[in-house]
C-alpha atoms as a PDB file:
ATOM      1  CA  MET A   1      47.955 109.080 151.391  1.00  0.00           C
ATOM      2  CA  THR A   2      49.066 112.482 152.675  1.00  0.00           C
ATOM      3  CA  THR A   3      47.466 115.814 151.831  1.00  0.00           C
ATOM      4  CA  ASP A   4      50.467 116.793 149.688  1.00  0.00           C
ATOM      5  CA  GLU A   5      50.242 113.579 147.671  1.00  0.00           C
ATOM      6  CA  VAL A   6      46.510 114.103 147.105  1.00  0.00           C
ATOM      7  CA  GLY A   7      47.157 117.666 145.955  1.00  0.00           C
ATOM      8  CA  MET A   8      49.897 116.548 143.610  1.00  0.00           C
ATOM      9  CA  MET A   9      47.629 113.888 142.071  1.00  0.00           C
ATOM     10  CA  THR A  10      44.931 116.523 141.561  1.00  0.00           C
ATOM     11  CA  ASP A  11      47.424 118.813 139.832  1.00  0.00           C
ATOM     12  CA  HIS A  12      48.504 115.995 137.500  1.00  0.00           C
ATOM     13  CA  ASP A  13      44.878 115.110 136.740  1.00  0.00           C
ATOM     14  CA  THR A  14      44.113 118.717 135.845  1.00  0.00           C
ATOM     15  CA  ALA A  15      47.228 119.119 133.707  1.00  0.00           C
ATOM     16  CA  LEU A  16      46.561 115.880 131.821  1.00  0.00           C
ATOM     17  CA  ALA A  17      42.968 116.861 131.169  1.00  0.00           C
ATOM     18  CA  ARG A  18      44.150 120.040 129.439  1.00  0.00           C
ATOM     19  CA  LEU A  19      46.383 118.120 127.006  1.00  0.00           C
ATOM     20  CA  LYS A  20      44.661 117.376 123.729  1.00  0.00           C
ATOM     21  CA  THR A  21      46.735 114.446 122.380  1.00  0.00           C
ATOM     22  CA  LYS A  22      47.877 111.127 123.766  1.00  0.00           C
ATOM     23  CA  LYS A  23      51.445 111.933 122.717  1.00  0.00           C
ATOM     24  CA  ALA A  24      51.438 115.075 124.855  1.00  0.00           C
ATOM     25  CA  GLN A  25      50.077 113.074 127.821  1.00  0.00           C
ATOM     26  CA  ILE A  26      52.818 110.446 127.436  1.00  0.00           C
ATOM     27  CA  GLN A  27      55.509 113.127 127.320  1.00  0.00           C
ATOM     28  CA  TYR A  28      54.020 114.825 130.386  1.00  0.00           C
ATOM     29  CA  ALA A  29      54.073 111.505 132.251  1.00  0.00           C
ATOM     30  CA  LEU A  30      57.719 110.902 131.334  1.00  0.00           C
ATOM     31  CA  GLU A  31      58.676 114.346 132.631  1.00  0.00           C
ATOM     32  CA  HIS A  32      57.079 113.651 136.027  1.00  0.00           C
ATOM     33  CA  MET A  33      58.064 110.006 136.488  1.00  0.00           C
ATOM     34  CA  PRO A  34      61.395 108.489 137.620  1.00  0.00           C
ATOM     35  CA  ARG A  35      64.006 108.179 134.889  1.00  0.00           C
ATOM     36  CA  GLY A  36      64.295 104.753 133.304  1.00  0.00           C
ATOM     37  CA  CYS A  37      60.589 103.908 133.549  1.00  0.00           C
ATOM     38  CA  THR A  38      59.142 101.434 131.049  1.00  0.00           C
ATOM     39  CA  VAL A  39      56.239 101.789 128.661  1.00  0.00           C
ATOM     40  CA  GLU A  40      53.989  99.861 131.037  1.00  0.00           C
ATOM     41  CA  ASP A  41      54.946 102.202 133.900  1.00  0.00           C
ATOM     42  CA  VAL A  42      53.785 105.146 131.791  1.00  0.00           C
ATOM     43  CA  ARG A  43      50.490 103.439 130.916  1.00  0.00           C
ATOM     44  CA  ARG A  44      49.793 102.596 134.571  1.00  0.00           C
ATOM     45  CA  TRP A  45      50.616 106.168 135.621  1.00  0.00           C
ATOM     46  CA  LEU A  46      48.201 107.613 133.069  1.00  0.00           C
ATOM     47  CA  TYR A  47      45.449 105.203 134.136  1.00  0.00           C
ATOM     48  CA  LYS A  48      46.066 106.099 137.775  1.00  0.00           C
ATOM     49  CA  HIS A  49      45.465 109.757 136.939  1.00  0.00           C
ATOM     50  CA  GLY A  50      42.168 109.153 135.161  1.00  0.00           C
ATOM     51  CA  GLN A  51      43.338 108.869 131.543  1.00  0.00           C
ATOM     52  CA  GLN A  52      42.685 106.042 129.110  1.00  0.00           C
ATOM     53  CA  PRO A  53      46.170 104.602 128.449  1.00  0.00           C
ATOM     54  CA  PRO A  54      47.222 104.295 124.785  1.00  0.00           C
ATOM     55  CA  GLY A  55      48.230 100.929 123.382  1.00  0.00           C
ATOM     56  CA  ARG A  56      51.841  99.811 123.715  1.00  0.00           C
ATOM     57  CA  PRO A  57      52.495  99.846 119.922  1.00  0.00           C
ATOM     58  CA  TYR A  58      51.576 103.557 119.950  1.00  0.00           C
ATOM     59  CA  ALA A  59      53.273 104.493 123.219  1.00  0.00           C
ATOM     60  CA  ALA A  60      56.564 102.602 122.786  1.00  0.00           C
ATOM     61  CA  PRO A  61      58.069 104.764 119.973  1.00  0.00           C
ATOM     62  CA  ILE A  62      57.179 107.955 121.856  1.00  0.00           C
ATOM     63  CA  VAL A  63      58.786 106.684 125.074  1.00  0.00           C
ATOM     64  CA  ASN A  64      61.945 105.503 123.289  1.00  0.00           C
ATOM     65  CA  ASP A  65      62.254 108.793 121.394  1.00  0.00           C
ATOM     66  CA  TRP A  66      61.894 110.758 124.642  1.00  0.00           C
ATOM     67  CA  ARG A  67      64.606 108.600 126.255  1.00  0.00           C
ATOM     68  CA  ALA A  68      66.978 109.248 123.363  1.00  0.00           C
ATOM     69  CA  ARG A  69      66.385 113.016 123.328  1.00  0.00           C
ATOM     70  CA  ASN A  70      66.797 113.365 127.090  1.00  0.00           C
ATOM     71  CA  GLY A  71      69.847 111.127 127.435  1.00  0.00           C
ATOM     72  CA  VAL A  72      68.217 108.407 129.536  1.00  0.00           C
ATOM     73  CA  THR A  73      70.902 105.736 129.134  1.00  0.00           C
ATOM     74  CA  ASP A  74      70.527 103.541 132.188  1.00  0.00           C
ATOM     75  CA  THR A  75      67.999 102.186 134.632  1.00  0.00           C
ATOM     76  CA  GLY A  76      70.070 102.615 137.747  1.00  0.00           C
ATOM     77  CA  GLY A  77      73.282 104.286 136.752  1.00  0.00           C
ATOM     78  CA  HIS A  78      75.167 101.100 135.845  1.00  0.00           C
ATOM     79  CA  VAL A  79      73.189  99.048 133.304  1.00  0.00           C
ATOM     80  CA  LEU A  80      73.342 100.100 129.633  1.00  0.00           C
ATOM     81  CA  LEU A  81      69.788 100.593 128.367  1.00  0.00           C
ATOM     82  CA  THR A  82      70.011  98.804 125.013  1.00  0.00           C
ATOM     83  CA  PRO A  83      66.951  98.308 122.762  1.00  0.00           C
ATOM     84  CA  GLU A  84      66.923  94.602 123.727  1.00  0.00           C
ATOM     85  CA  LEU A  85      66.875  95.476 127.444  1.00  0.00           C
ATOM     86  CA  ILE A  86      64.030  97.951 126.899  1.00  0.00           C
ATOM     87  CA  ALA A  87      62.020  95.247 125.123  1.00  0.00           C
ATOM     88  CA  GLU A  88      62.705  92.753 127.933  1.00  0.00           C
ATOM     89  CA  MET A  89      61.659  95.256 130.611  1.00  0.00           C
ATOM     90  CA  ASP A  90      58.439  96.055 128.775  1.00  0.00           C
ATOM     91  CA  GLU A  91      57.707  92.364 128.189  1.00  0.00           C
ATOM     92  CA  ALA A  92      58.191  91.652 131.889  1.00  0.00           C
ATOM     93  CA  ASP A  93      55.839  94.468 132.830  1.00  0.00           C
ATOM     94  CA  GLY A  94      53.458  93.472 130.043  1.00  0.00           C
ATOM     95  CA  ASN A  95      52.685  90.163 131.747  1.00  0.00           C
ATOM     96  CA  GLU A  96      50.580  92.126 134.247  1.00  0.00           C
ATOM     97  CA  PRO A  97      47.685  94.239 132.932  1.00  0.00           C
ATOM     98  CA  ALA A  98      47.999  97.962 133.398  1.00  0.00           C
ATOM     99  CA  GLY A  99      46.088  99.352 136.343  1.00  0.00           C
ATOM    100  CA  THR A 100      45.550  96.014 138.134  1.00  0.00           C
ATOM    101  CA  LYS A 101      47.569  97.044 141.175  1.00  0.00           C
ATOM    102  CA  ALA A 102      45.728  97.966 144.340  1.00  0.00           C
ATOM    103  CA  GLY A 103      42.566  96.207 143.143  1.00  0.00           C
ATOM    104  CA  SER A 104      41.896  98.559 140.231  1.00  0.00           C
ATOM    105  CA  THR A 105      40.850  97.361 136.786  1.00  0.00           C
ATOM    106  CA  GLY A 106      42.330  98.583 133.544  1.00  0.00           C
ATOM    107  CA  PRO A 107      43.191  97.640 129.999  1.00  0.00           C
ATOM    108  CA  ALA A 108      45.295  94.561 129.456  1.00  0.00           C
ATOM    109  CA  ALA A 109      48.778  95.031 128.103  1.00  0.00           C
ATOM    110  CA  ASP A 110      49.140  94.504 124.370  1.00  0.00           C
ATOM    111  CA  PRO A 111      51.442  91.637 123.382  1.00  0.00           C
ATOM    112  CA  ALA A 112      53.370  93.764 120.888  1.00  0.00           C
ATOM    113  CA  PRO A 113      56.980  94.450 121.938  1.00  0.00           C
ATOM    114  CA  ALA A 114      58.217  97.967 122.524  1.00  0.00           C
ATOM    115  CA  GLU A 115      60.512  97.720 119.548  1.00  0.00           C
ATOM    116  CA  ALA A 116      60.836  95.297 116.647  1.00  0.00           C
ATOM    117  CA  SER A 117      63.577  92.730 117.222  1.00  0.00           C
ATOM    118  CA  LYS A 118      64.726  92.881 113.604  1.00  0.00           C
ATOM    119  CA  PRO A 119      64.253  95.398 110.777  1.00  0.00           C
ATOM    120  CA  ALA A 120      61.330  95.029 108.403  1.00  0.00           C
ATOM    121  CA  GLY A 121      62.240  92.988 105.343  1.00  0.00           C
ATOM    122  CA  ALA A 122      65.264  91.350 106.965  1.00  0.00           C
ATOM    123  CA  LYS A 123      64.680  88.024 105.191  1.00  0.00           C
ATOM    124  CA  GLY A 124      64.569  89.760 101.813  1.00  0.00           C
ATOM    125  CA  PHE A 125      67.810  91.580 102.564  1.00  0.00           C
ATOM    126  CA  TYR A 126      69.464  88.305 103.542  1.00  0.00           C
ATOM    127  CA  ALA A 127      68.271  86.720 100.276  1.00  0.00           C
ATOM    128  CA  VAL A 128      69.683  89.542  98.141  1.00  0.00           C
ATOM    129  CA  ALA A 129      72.985  89.389 100.056  1.00  0.00           C
ATOM    130  CA  ALA A 130      73.226  85.655  99.298  1.00  0.00           C
ATOM    131  CA  LEU A 131      72.407  86.182  95.601  1.00  0.00           C
ATOM    132  CA  SER A 132      75.032  88.908  95.267  1.00  0.00           C
ATOM    133  CA  ILE A 133      77.692  86.362  96.201  1.00  0.00           C
ATOM    134  CA  GLY A 134      77.071  84.774  92.792  1.00  0.00           C
ATOM    135  CA  VAL A 135      78.390  87.889  91.042  1.00  0.00           C
ATOM    136  CA  SER A 136      81.440  87.907  93.317  1.00  0.00           C
ATOM    137  CA  VAL A 137      82.028  84.189  92.651  1.00  0.00           C
ATOM    138  CA  ASP A 138      81.950  84.735  88.878  1.00  0.00           C
ATOM    139  CA  THR A 139      84.417  87.618  89.160  1.00  0.00           C
ATOM    140  CA  SER A 140      86.842  85.623  91.297  1.00  0.00           C
ATOM    141  CA  TRP A 141      86.597  82.555  89.009  1.00  0.00           C
ATOM    142  CA  ARG A 142      87.482  84.566  85.913  1.00  0.00           C
ATOM    143  CA  PHE A 143      90.143  86.661  87.695  1.00  0.00           C
ATOM    144  CA  PHE A 144      92.082  83.605  88.874  1.00  0.00           C
ATOM    145  CA  GLU A 145      92.018  82.135  85.358  1.00  0.00           C
ATOM    146  CA  LEU A 146      92.664  85.199  83.158  1.00  0.00           C
ATOM    147  CA  ARG A 147      94.866  87.314  85.427  1.00  0.00           C
ATOM    148  CA  LEU A 148      96.644  84.824  87.700  1.00  0.00           C
ATOM    149  CA  GLY A 149      96.918  82.020  85.118  1.00  0.00           C
ATOM    150  CA  ILE A 150      95.414  79.301  87.317  1.00  0.00           C
ATOM    151  CA  THR A 151      93.606  76.915  84.957  1.00  0.00           C
ATOM    152  CA  ASP A 152      93.279  73.762  87.057  1.00  0.00           C
ATOM    153  CA  THR A 153      89.631  73.510  88.125  1.00  0.00           C
ATOM    154  CA  VAL A 154      90.216  72.031  91.584  1.00  0.00           C
ATOM    155  CA  GLU A 155      92.940  74.533  92.379  1.00  0.00           C
ATOM    156  CA  ARG A 156      90.779  77.440  91.241  1.00  0.00           C
ATOM    157  CA  VAL A 157      87.820  76.269  93.362  1.00  0.00           C
ATOM    158  CA  ILE A 158      90.012  76.019  96.448  1.00  0.00           C
ATOM    159  CA  LEU A 159      91.666  79.392  95.910  1.00  0.00           C
ATOM    160  CA  PHE A 160      88.874  81.623  94.645  1.00  0.00           C
ATOM    161  CA  SER A 161      86.434  80.496  97.333  1.00  0.00           C
ATOM    162  CA  VAL A 162      88.676  81.995 100.043  1.00  0.00           C
ATOM    163  CA  MET A 163      87.250  85.525  99.656  1.00  0.00           C
ATOM    164  CA  GLU A 164      83.636  84.383  99.427  1.00  0.00           C
ATOM    165  CA  ALA A 165      84.029  82.184 102.510  1.00  0.00           C
ATOM    166  CA  ALA A 166      85.660  85.096 104.345  1.00  0.00           C
ATOM    167  CA  LEU A 167      82.754  87.389 103.418  1.00  0.00           C
ATOM    168  CA  ILE A 168      80.243  84.852 104.716  1.00  0.00           C
ATOM    169  CA  ALA A 169      82.245  84.436 107.935  1.00  0.00           C
ATOM    170  CA  CYS A 170      82.377  88.222 108.406  1.00  0.00           C
ATOM    171  CA  GLY A 171      78.624  88.427 107.863  1.00  0.00           C
ATOM    172  CA  TRP A 172      78.023  85.741 110.476  1.00  0.00           C
ATOM    173  CA  ALA A 173      80.349  87.487 112.942  1.00  0.00           C
ATOM    174  CA  MET A 174      78.597  90.819 112.346  1.00  0.00           C
ATOM    175  CA  ARG A 175      75.244  89.149 112.969  1.00  0.00           C
ATOM    176  CA  GLY A 176      76.473  87.750 116.275  1.00  0.00           C
ATOM    177  CA  GLY A 177      77.944  91.087 117.349  1.00  0.00           C
ATOM    178  CA  VAL A 178      74.754  92.980 116.580  1.00  0.00           C
ATOM    179  CA  ARG A 179      72.636  90.499 118.489  1.00  0.00           C
ATOM    180  CA  ARG A 180      75.058  90.575 121.434  1.00  0.00           C
ATOM    181  CA  ASP A 181      75.657  94.297 121.950  1.00  0.00           C
ATOM    182  CA  GLY A 182      74.177  96.133 118.959  1.00  0.00           C
ATOM    183  CA  ARG A 183      77.540  96.590 117.165  1.00  0.00           C
ATOM    184  CA  PRO A 184      79.019  94.617 114.261  1.00  0.00           C
ATOM    185  CA  GLY A 185      82.540  94.707 115.679  1.00  0.00           C
ATOM    186  CA  PRO A 186      85.845  94.439 113.767  1.00  0.00           C
ATOM    187  CA  ALA A 187      84.314  91.974 111.279  1.00  0.00           C
ATOM    188  CA  ARG A 188      82.769  94.892 109.407  1.00  0.00           C
ATOM    189  CA  LEU A 189      86.212  96.422 108.760  1.00  0.00           C
ATOM    190  CA  VAL A 190      87.489  93.088 107.419  1.00  0.00           C
ATOM    191  CA  ALA A 191      84.417  92.774 105.190  1.00  0.00           C
ATOM    192  CA  TRP A 192      85.005  96.216 103.662  1.00  0.00           C
ATOM    193  CA  ALA A 193      88.686  95.364 103.120  1.00  0.00           C
ATOM    194  CA  LEU A 194      87.645  92.228 101.214  1.00  0.00           C
ATOM    195  CA  THR A 195      85.222  94.354  99.211  1.00  0.00           C
ATOM    196  CA  ALA A 196      88.087  96.671  98.277  1.00  0.00           C
ATOM    197  CA  PHE A 197      90.107  93.678  97.010  1.00  0.00           C
ATOM    198  CA  ALA A 198      87.070  92.474  95.043  1.00  0.00           C
ATOM    199  CA  ALA A 199      86.882  95.931  93.457  1.00  0.00           C
ATOM    200  CA  PHE A 200      90.528  95.660  92.402  1.00  0.00           C
ATOM    201  CA  ALA A 201      89.928  92.217  90.889  1.00  0.00           C
ATOM    202  CA  ALA A 202      86.814  93.335  89.030  1.00  0.00           C
ATOM    203  CA  LEU A 203      88.439  96.480  87.616  1.00  0.00           C
ATOM    204  CA  SER A 204      91.513  94.511  86.557  1.00  0.00           C
ATOM    205  CA  LEU A 205      89.347  91.868  84.885  1.00  0.00           C
ATOM    206  CA  SER A 206      86.637  93.884  83.138  1.00  0.00           C
ATOM    207  CA  GLY A 207      87.832  97.483  83.009  1.00  0.00           C
ATOM    208  CA  PRO A 208      86.387 100.578  84.683  1.00  0.00           C
ATOM    209  CA  VAL A 209      82.807 100.319  83.361  1.00  0.00           C
ATOM    210  CA  ALA A 210      82.017  96.593  83.541  1.00  0.00           C
ATOM    211  CA  GLY A 211      84.284  96.246  86.578  1.00  0.00           C
ATOM    212  CA  THR A 212      82.326  98.891  88.484  1.00  0.00           C
ATOM    213  CA  ALA A 213      79.091  97.057  87.676  1.00  0.00           C
ATOM    214  CA  ARG A 214      80.574  93.786  88.958  1.00  0.00           C
ATOM    215  CA  VAL A 215      81.640  95.450  92.210  1.00  0.00           C
ATOM    216  CA  LEU A 216      78.352  97.292  92.840  1.00  0.00           C
ATOM    217  CA  LEU A 217      76.192  94.248  92.074  1.00  0.00           C
ATOM    218  CA  GLY A 218      78.519  91.883  93.923  1.00  0.00           C
ATOM    219  CA  PRO A 219      80.270  92.455  97.256  1.00  0.00           C
ATOM    220  CA  VAL A 220      79.132  96.069  97.752  1.00  0.00           C
ATOM    221  CA  LEU A 221      75.459  95.205  97.275  1.00  0.00           C
ATOM    222  CA  GLY A 222      75.833  92.137  99.481  1.00  0.00           C
ATOM    223  CA  LEU A 223      77.450  94.092 102.294  1.00  0.00           C
ATOM    224  CA  VAL A 224      74.874  96.886 102.129  1.00  0.00           C
ATOM    225  CA  MET A 225      72.033  94.337 102.187  1.00  0.00           C
ATOM    226  CA  LEU A 226      73.666  92.674 105.185  1.00  0.00           C
ATOM    227  CA  HIS A 227      73.787  96.042 106.979  1.00  0.00           C
ATOM    228  CA  LEU A 228      70.083  96.551 106.290  1.00  0.00           C
ATOM    229  CA  ALA A 229      69.176  93.011 107.343  1.00  0.00           C
ATOM    230  CA  LEU A 230      71.007  93.372 110.647  1.00  0.00           C
ATOM    231  CA  GLY A 231      69.745  96.911 111.279  1.00  0.00           C
ATOM    232  CA  ILE A 232      73.316  98.039 111.949  1.00  0.00           C
ATOM    233  CA  GLU A 233      72.806 101.658 110.900  1.00  0.00           C
ATOM    234  CA  ILE A 234      69.555 101.933 112.887  1.00  0.00           C
ATOM    235  CA  ARG A 235      71.199 100.678 116.070  1.00  0.00           C
ATOM    236  CA  ALA A 236      74.345 102.729 115.514  1.00  0.00           C
ATOM    237  CA  ALA A 237      72.202 105.878 115.316  1.00  0.00           C
ATOM    238  CA  ARG A 238      71.349 105.366 119.018  1.00  0.00           C
ATOM    239  CA  GLN A 239      74.889 104.608 120.184  1.00  0.00           C
ATOM    240  CA  ARG A 240      77.406 106.645 118.183  1.00  0.00           C
ATOM    241  CA  THR A 241      80.139 106.154 120.736  1.00  0.00           C
ATOM    242  CA  THR A 242      82.834 104.342 118.726  1.00  0.00           C
ATOM    243  CA  THR A 243      86.206 105.910 117.974  1.00  0.00           C
ATOM    244  CA  TRP A 244      85.401 106.331 114.292  1.00  0.00           C
ATOM    245  CA  ALA A 245      82.068 107.953 115.165  1.00  0.00           C
ATOM    246  CA  ARG A 246      83.836 110.507 117.364  1.00  0.00           C
ATOM    247  CA  VAL A 247      86.429 111.150 114.645  1.00  0.00           C
ATOM    248  CA  GLY A 248      83.641 111.665 112.109  1.00  0.00           C
ATOM    249  CA  ARG A 249      81.801 114.100 114.343  1.00  0.00           C
ATOM    250  CA  GLU A 250      85.006 116.044 115.056  1.00  0.00           C
ATOM    251  CA  LEU A 251      85.876 116.311 111.338  1.00  0.00           C
ATOM    252  CA  ARG A 252      82.341 117.441 110.561  1.00  0.00           C
ATOM    253  CA  GLU A 253      82.432 120.146 113.232  1.00  0.00           C
ATOM    254  CA  ARG A 254      85.854 121.363 112.072  1.00  0.00           C
ATOM    255  CA  LEU A 255      84.650 121.568 108.462  1.00  0.00           C
ATOM    256  CA  LEU A 256      81.556 123.514 109.482  1.00  0.00           C
ATOM    257  CA  SER A 257      83.689 125.849 111.597  1.00  0.00           C
ATOM    258  CA  LEU A 258      86.060 126.367 108.656  1.00  0.00           C
ATOM    259  CA  LEU A 259      83.103 127.358 106.485  1.00  0.00           C
ATOM    260  CA  GLY A 260      81.791 129.687 109.198  1.00  0.00           C
ATOM    261  CA  LEU A 261      78.822 127.422 109.915  1.00  0.00           C
ATOM    262  CA  GLY A 262      79.626 126.361 113.460  1.00  0.00           C
ATOM    263  CA  ASN A 263      76.728 125.959 115.852  1.00  0.00           C
ATOM    264  CA  ASP A 264      77.061 129.251 117.729  1.00  0.00           C
ATOM    265  CA  HIS A 265      73.360 130.199 117.674  1.00  0.00           C
ATOM    266  CA  ARG A 266      73.705 132.747 114.842  1.00  0.00           C
ATOM    267  CA  ASP A 267      71.376 132.768 111.874  1.00  0.00           C
ATOM    268  CA  ALA A 268      72.551 133.090 108.259  1.00  0.00           C
ATOM    269  CA  LEU A 269      72.012 136.862 108.149  1.00  0.00           C
ATOM    270  CA  ALA A 270      74.122 137.446 111.288  1.00  0.00           C
ATOM    271  CA  ARG A 271      76.934 135.271 109.935  1.00  0.00           C
ATOM    272  CA  THR A 272      76.913 137.174 106.630  1.00  0.00           C
ATOM    273  CA  ARG A 273      77.064 140.562 108.345  1.00  0.00           C
ATOM    274  CA  ASP A 274      79.838 139.484 110.720  1.00  0.00           C
ATOM    275  CA  ARG A 275      81.976 138.232 107.848  1.00  0.00           C
ATOM    276  CA  ALA A 276      81.323 141.451 105.922  1.00  0.00           C
ATOM    277  CA  ALA A 277      82.364 143.538 108.933  1.00  0.00           C
ATOM    278  CA  LEU A 278      85.669 141.647 109.215  1.00  0.00           C
ATOM    279  CA  ARG A 279      86.214 141.979 105.454  1.00  0.00           C
ATOM    280  CA  ALA A 280      85.594 145.720 105.650  1.00  0.00           C
ATOM    281  CA  ALA A 281      88.159 146.079 108.462  1.00  0.00           C
ATOM    282  CA  LYS A 282      90.763 144.178 106.423  1.00  0.00           C
ATOM    283  CA  LEU A 283      90.075 146.205 103.253  1.00  0.00           C
ATOM    284  CA  ALA A 284      90.345 149.465 105.194  1.00  0.00           C
ATOM    285  CA  LEU A 285      93.930 148.541 106.127  1.00  0.00           C
ATOM    286  CA  ALA A 286      94.806 147.053 102.747  1.00  0.00           C
ATOM    287  CA  SER A 287      97.228 148.843 100.452  1.00  0.00           C
ATOM    288  CA  ARG A 288      95.884 151.125  97.780  1.00  0.00           C
ATOM    289  CA  TRP A 289      97.175 148.691  95.136  1.00  0.00           C
ATOM    290  CA  THR A 290      94.621 146.074  96.201  1.00  0.00           C
ATOM    291  CA  PRO A 291      92.357 145.356  93.166  1.00  0.00           C
ATOM    292  CA  TRP A 292      89.014 147.183  93.352  1.00  0.00           C
ATOM    293  CA  ARG A 293      89.685 148.048  96.973  1.00  0.00           C
ATOM    294  CA  LYS A 294      87.233 150.956  97.269  1.00  0.00           C
ATOM    295  CA  ALA A 295      84.395 149.162  95.527  1.00  0.00           C
ATOM    296  CA  ARG A 296      84.875 146.037  97.642  1.00  0.00           C
ATOM    297  CA  LEU A 297      85.100 148.129 100.828  1.00  0.00           C
ATOM    298  CA  ARG A 298      81.844 149.936 100.017  1.00  0.00           C
ATOM    299  CA  LYS A 299      80.118 146.635  99.302  1.00  0.00           C
ATOM    300  CA  ALA A 300      81.381 145.085 102.546  1.00  0.00           C
ATOM    301  CA  LEU A 301      80.220 148.089 104.565  1.00  0.00           C
ATOM    302  CA  HIS A 302      76.794 147.886 102.936  1.00  0.00           C
ATOM    303  CA  ILE A 303      76.416 144.169 103.583  1.00  0.00           C
ATOM    304  CA  SER A 304      77.619 144.464 107.193  1.00  0.00           C
ATOM    305  CA  HIS A 305      74.744 146.908 107.908  1.00  0.00           C
ATOM    306  CA  VAL A 306      77.020 149.120 110.026  1.00  0.00           C
ATOM    307  CA  ALA A 307      75.135 152.261 108.962  1.00  0.00           C
ATOM    308  CA  HIS A 308      71.993 151.145 110.804  1.00  0.00           C
ATOM    309  CA  ASP A 309      73.225 148.739 113.477  1.00  0.00           C
ATOM    310  CA  PRO A 310      75.309 150.313 116.277  1.00  0.00           C
ATOM    311  CA  ALA A 311      76.341 146.898 117.622  1.00  0.00           C
ATOM    312  CA  GLN A 312      77.571 145.813 114.211  1.00  0.00           C
ATOM    313  CA  ARG A 313      79.409 149.109 113.736  1.00  0.00           C
ATOM    314  CA  ASP A 314      81.104 148.675 117.120  1.00  0.00           C
ATOM    315  CA  ARG A 315      82.075 145.129 116.143  1.00  0.00           C
ATOM    316  CA  MET A 316      83.642 146.366 112.900  1.00  0.00           C
ATOM    317  CA  LEU A 317      85.581 149.113 114.708  1.00  0.00           C
ATOM    318  CA  ARG A 318      86.914 146.626 117.273  1.00  0.00           C
ATOM    319  CA  GLU A 319      88.065 144.362 114.451  1.00  0.00           C
ATOM    320  CA  LEU A 320      89.751 147.354 112.806  1.00  0.00           C
ATOM    321  CA  GLY A 321      91.481 148.338 116.061  1.00  0.00           C
ATOM    322  CA  VAL A 322      92.817 144.818 116.641  1.00  0.00           C
ATOM    323  CA  LEU A 323      94.145 144.542 113.091  1.00  0.00           C
ATOM    324  CA  GLN A 324      95.588 148.057 113.171  1.00  0.00           C
ATOM    325  CA  HIS A 325      97.608 147.491 116.350  1.00  0.00           C
ATOM    326  CA  ALA A 326      98.408 143.785 115.943  1.00  0.00           C
ATOM    327  CA  ASP A 327     102.175 144.508 115.892  1.00  0.00           C
ATOM    328  CA  LYS A 328     101.963 146.003 119.396  1.00  0.00           C
ATOM    329  CA  LEU A 329     100.643 142.790 120.907  1.00  0.00           C
ATOM    330  CA  ALA A 330     104.136 141.517 121.673  1.00  0.00           C
ATOM    331  CA  ASP A 331     104.925 144.714 123.602  1.00  0.00           C
ATOM    332  CA  THR A 332     102.094 144.135 126.070  1.00  0.00           C
ATOM    333  CA  THR A 333     103.426 143.361 129.542  1.00  0.00           C
ATOM    334  CA  GLN A 334     101.664 140.461 131.243  1.00  0.00           C
ATOM    335  CA  PRO A 335     101.974 139.322 134.881  1.00  0.00           C
ATOM    336  CA  ALA A 336     103.739 136.049 135.601  1.00  0.00           C
ATOM    337  CA  PRO A 337     101.260 133.118 135.386  1.00  0.00           C
ATOM    338  CA  TRP A 338     102.734 131.505 138.543  1.00  0.00           C
END
């Protein structure tokens, strides 16, 4: 070991000794280790630098949270770091006790995985989803008889079971998609479309009040329980990369920008004063027939704080100048862009 490496190890030992919590030590280790390291790598590194490594059940959530916040998405630049892959990496490293390399002795790796393979209460969610099909079956049975006029028992059984069988098939496909790549796939869209048809049937059969109860306790409840059982929303929170997720984020940002709440590092007071300064500039140029113009102008000037803030006053005057000479913008001569 070179002199530089010895000095670096001493610096790490000193820095770790100053940290008061295990969480802070784990975060320090992650900041000074190669990206994509596993939970067991962190525990070995801490043991190597004279610290008692925390158990894997305690360290795993901290490591995974740090990865998510710092955008660690792959182990080598090509492999997607899914929760299943993280668990497999940690299990592979967990077969060897931490600190046993180079003849050292250390605590054995805990058998607990880095992350639960399925959400807590998954079996209960599956059970409720299966029971909710009964409400949907009753709605379909009555709808085909009272609204479609199908009274033959065999014919009704064959026809009304189509939607329930389709919902079960969609649930199975979603389960396979989540286990394969963490996403439910197009089956979720089909399931929600079937739920919309079930809502139409229930409202047509029982009216708005009883029909809403049939829908909420039937296909909607079943689909929500299936989402919870599969952990779809938990996994999607880590990988919001679908087209609809991007559309949702864009619409949210546009709405916030429209309301003046865009993320531009201003606090609420600064936003209020900036809007008041712009309002004051507009009222100053407004016609004298504008309702309560003087009172509104005085109020805007007071809120904008221009009497005590030179920067805010300069901002208001620049806004006034732009609005006052807006008609001269077209007369401005610009050089050719090519």
